[in-house]
C-alpha atoms as a PDB file:
ATOM      1  CA  MET A   1      -2.935 -25.575   4.343  1.00  0.00           C
ATOM      2  CA  LEU A   2      -0.114 -23.049   3.962  1.00  0.00           C
ATOM      3  CA  ILE A   3       2.305 -24.040   1.193  1.00  0.00           C
ATOM      4  CA  LYS A   4       5.556 -22.344   0.270  1.00  0.00           C
ATOM      5  CA  TYR A   5       5.629 -20.649  -3.120  1.00  0.00           C
ATOM      6  CA  LYS A   6       7.473 -22.294  -5.968  1.00  0.00           C
ATOM      7  CA  LYS A   7       7.761 -21.248  -9.600  1.00  0.00           C
ATOM      8  CA  SER A   8       5.044 -23.657 -10.758  1.00  0.00           C
ATOM      9  CA  TYR A   9       2.532 -21.588  -8.729  1.00  0.00           C
ATOM     10  CA  GLU A  10       3.531 -18.311 -10.397  1.00  0.00           C
ATOM     11  CA  LYS A  11       0.248 -17.707 -12.279  1.00  0.00           C
ATOM     12  CA  PHE A  12      -1.825 -18.353  -9.146  1.00  0.00           C
ATOM     13  CA  ALA A  13       0.410 -16.048  -7.108  1.00  0.00           C
ATOM     14  CA  MET A  14       0.350 -13.259  -9.678  1.00  0.00           C
ATOM     15  CA  GLY A  15      -3.424 -13.498  -9.952  1.00  0.00           C
ATOM     16  CA  LEU A  16      -3.887 -13.248  -6.195  1.00  0.00           C
ATOM     17  CA  LEU A  17      -1.307 -10.478  -5.827  1.00  0.00           C
ATOM     18  CA  SER A  18      -3.090  -8.456  -8.511  1.00  0.00           C
ATOM     19  CA  PHE A  19      -6.009  -7.985  -6.087  1.00  0.00           C
ATOM     20  CA  MET A  20      -3.730  -5.845  -3.880  1.00  0.00           C
ATOM     21  CA  PRO A  21      -4.267  -2.130  -4.628  1.00  0.00           C
ATOM     22  CA  ASN A  22      -0.535  -1.451  -5.033  1.00  0.00           C
ATOM     23  CA  GLU A  23      -0.019  -4.401  -7.426  1.00  0.00           C
ATOM     24  CA  LYS A  24      -2.379  -3.468 -10.271  1.00  0.00           C
ATOM     25  CA  GLU A  25       0.289  -2.616 -12.867  1.00  0.00           C
ATOM     26  CA  ILE A  26       1.972  -5.596 -14.542  1.00  0.00           C
ATOM     27  CA  LYS A  27       5.485  -4.120 -14.193  1.00  0.00           C
ATOM     28  CA  VAL A  28       5.006  -3.651 -10.452  1.00  0.00           C
ATOM     29  CA  LEU A  29       3.528  -7.141 -10.134  1.00  0.00           C
ATOM     30  CA  ARG A  30       6.423  -8.762 -12.006  1.00  0.00           C
ATOM     31  CA  ASN A  31       8.934  -6.864  -9.878  1.00  0.00           C
ATOM     32  CA  THR A  32       7.189  -8.037  -6.700  1.00  0.00           C
ATOM     33  CA  MET A  33       7.295 -11.637  -7.892  1.00  0.00           C
ATOM     34  CA  LYS A  34      10.987 -11.320  -8.748  1.00  0.00           C
ATOM     35  CA  ASN A  35      11.670  -9.950  -5.257  1.00  0.00           C
ATOM     36  CA  TYR A  36       9.907 -12.903  -3.615  1.00  0.00           C
ATOM     37  CA  GLU A  37      11.819 -15.346  -5.819  1.00  0.00           C
ATOM     38  CA  THR A  38      15.272 -13.862  -5.184  1.00  0.00           C
ATOM     39  CA  ALA A  39      15.384 -12.147  -1.764  1.00  0.00           C
ATOM     40  CA  ASP A  40      16.364 -14.361   1.167  1.00  0.00           C
ATOM     41  CA  ASN A  41      14.337 -12.330   3.666  1.00  0.00           C
ATOM     42  CA  LEU A  42      11.083 -12.498   1.676  1.00  0.00           C
ATOM     43  CA  GLN A  43       8.787 -15.521   1.680  1.00  0.00           C
ATOM     44  CA  LEU A  44       5.584 -16.097  -0.247  1.00  0.00           C
ATOM     45  CA  PHE A  45       3.008 -18.678   0.811  1.00  0.00           C
ATOM     46  CA  LEU A  46      -0.204 -19.859  -0.810  1.00  0.00           C
ATOM     47  CA  TRP A  47      -3.293 -21.135   0.968  1.00  0.00           C
ATOM     48  CA  LYS A  48      -4.689 -24.335  -0.472  1.00  0.00           C
ATOM     49  CA  ASP A  49      -7.679 -26.392   0.592  1.00  0.00           C
ATOM     50  CA  GLU A  50      -9.148 -28.097  -2.449  1.00  0.00           C
ATOM     51  CA  GLU A  51      -7.736 -25.304  -4.595  1.00  0.00           C
ATOM     52  CA  ILE A  52      -5.453 -22.309  -4.125  1.00  0.00           C
ATOM     53  CA  THR A  53      -7.576 -19.534  -2.639  1.00  0.00           C
ATOM     54  CA  GLY A  54      -5.192 -17.181  -0.846  1.00  0.00           C
ATOM     55  CA  LEU A  55      -1.703 -15.769  -0.622  1.00  0.00           C
ATOM     56  CA  ILE A  56       0.414 -14.197   2.103  1.00  0.00           C
ATOM     57  CA  GLY A  57       3.817 -12.617   1.603  1.00  0.00           C
ATOM     58  CA  ILE A  58       6.147 -11.810   4.488  1.00  0.00           C
ATOM     59  CA  GLU A  59       9.453 -10.124   5.186  1.00  0.00           C
ATOM     60  CA  ILE A  60      11.534 -11.795   7.889  1.00  0.00           C
ATOM     61  CA  SER A  61      13.885  -9.875  10.168  1.00  0.00           C
ATOM     62  CA  GLN A  62      15.613 -10.782  13.445  1.00  0.00           C
ATOM     63  CA  GLN A  63      12.641  -9.964  15.684  1.00  0.00           C
ATOM     64  CA  HIS A  64       9.733  -9.414  13.289  1.00  0.00           C
ATOM     65  CA  ILE A  65       7.648 -10.904  10.572  1.00  0.00           C
ATOM     66  CA  GLU A  66       6.120  -8.129   8.491  1.00  0.00           C
ATOM     67  CA  ILE A  67       3.125  -9.011   6.355  1.00  0.00           C
ATOM     68  CA  GLN A  68       3.829  -7.449   2.971  1.00  0.00           C
ATOM     69  CA  HIS A  69       0.872  -8.874   1.033  1.00  0.00           C
ATOM     70  CA  ILE A  70      -2.288 -10.753   1.892  1.00  0.00           C
ATOM     71  CA  SER A  71      -4.941 -11.625  -0.643  1.00  0.00           C
ATOM     72  CA  VAL A  72      -7.879 -13.988  -0.954  1.00  0.00           C
ATOM     73  CA  ASN A  73      -9.699 -14.872  -4.154  1.00  0.00           C
ATOM     74  CA  PRO A  74     -12.908 -12.755  -4.137  1.00  0.00           C
ATOM     75  CA  SER A  75     -15.033 -15.903  -4.520  1.00  0.00           C
ATOM     76  CA  PHE A  76     -13.691 -17.162  -1.170  1.00  0.00           C
ATOM     77  CA  ARG A  77     -13.686 -13.971   0.907  1.00  0.00           C
ATOM     78  CA  GLN A  78     -15.552 -13.643   4.209  1.00  0.00           C
ATOM     79  CA  GLN A  79     -14.749 -17.282   5.065  1.00  0.00           C
ATOM     80  CA  GLY A  80     -11.843 -16.637   7.442  1.00  0.00           C
ATOM     81  CA  ILE A  81      -9.074 -17.657   5.030  1.00  0.00           C
ATOM     82  CA  GLY A  82      -7.080 -14.452   5.567  1.00  0.00           C
ATOM     83  CA  LYS A  83      -7.236 -14.788   9.344  1.00  0.00           C
ATOM     84  CA  THR A  84      -6.305 -18.456   9.075  1.00  0.00           C
ATOM     85  CA  MET A  85      -3.249 -17.566   6.985  1.00  0.00           C
ATOM     86  CA  VAL A  86      -2.157 -14.989   9.585  1.00  0.00           C
ATOM     87  CA  ARG A  87      -2.595 -17.605  12.335  1.00  0.00           C
ATOM     88  CA  ALA A  88      -0.545 -20.132  10.344  1.00  0.00           C
ATOM     89  CA  ILE A  89       2.297 -17.608   9.942  1.00  0.00           C
ATOM     90  CA  LYS A  90       2.215 -16.903  13.688  1.00  0.00           C
ATOM     91  CA  GLU A  91       2.474 -20.641  14.359  1.00  0.00           C
ATOM     92  CA  GLN A  92       5.325 -21.048  11.881  1.00  0.00           C
ATOM     93  CA  TYR A  93       7.322 -18.189  13.464  1.00  0.00           C
ATOM     94  CA  PRO A  94       6.286 -18.252  17.150  1.00  0.00           C
ATOM     95  CA  ASP A  95       9.389 -16.396  18.370  1.00  0.00           C
ATOM     96  CA  LYS A  96       8.815 -13.358  16.135  1.00  0.00           C
ATOM     97  CA  GLU A  97       6.450 -10.417  16.504  1.00  0.00           C
ATOM     98  CA  LEU A  98       3.942 -10.006  13.689  1.00  0.00           C
ATOM     99  CA  LYS A  99       3.774  -6.558  12.069  1.00  0.00           C
ATOM    100  CA  ALA A 100       1.960  -5.051   9.096  1.00  0.00           C
ATOM    101  CA  ASN A 101       2.900  -2.573   6.424  1.00  0.00           C
ATOM    102  CA  GLU A 102       0.719   0.279   5.186  1.00  0.00           C
ATOM    103  CA  PHE A 103      -1.180  -2.035   2.815  1.00  0.00           C
ATOM    104  CA  THR A 104      -1.899  -4.838   5.296  1.00  0.00           C
ATOM    105  CA  GLU A 105      -2.312  -2.871   8.537  1.00  0.00           C
ATOM    106  CA  SER A 106      -6.105  -2.517   8.501  1.00  0.00           C
ATOM    107  CA  PHE A 107      -6.574  -6.228   7.798  1.00  0.00           C
ATOM    108  CA  LEU A 108      -4.130  -7.286  10.521  1.00  0.00           C
ATOM    109  CA  ASP A 109      -5.884  -4.966  12.994  1.00  0.00           C
ATOM    110  CA  ARG A 110      -9.189  -6.740  12.234  1.00  0.00           C
ATOM    111  CA  CYS A 111      -7.505 -10.139  12.774  1.00  0.00           C
ATOM    112  CA  GLU A 112      -6.384  -9.133  16.254  1.00  0.00           C
ATOM    113  CA  GLU A 113      -9.883  -7.953  17.219  1.00  0.00           C
ATOM    114  CA  VAL A 114     -11.162 -11.524  17.016  1.00  0.00           C
END
């Protein structure tokens, strides 16, 4: 289930974001979290079944949803969680085109192959 980020999930979110190659440094990671918490056009969601296993961050514009971050706990990879999160975002914003940035493009391309 896709759940909207709130401050009480900060440690989970930071842990999952730290798996992204561009989010390894703590200063960068903290800045990213601050952006998600304060910017109106940025939304962060967590994926939770029995526990929180994934994260997807998006930027919302008039016509597009751009996937900024997508991460799955390494213990839960190769189970379709990332693709399921992308599908859930598409369902939540059916009138917007889904795009990727340079860090999420290869993953999103693999999602569309299926």
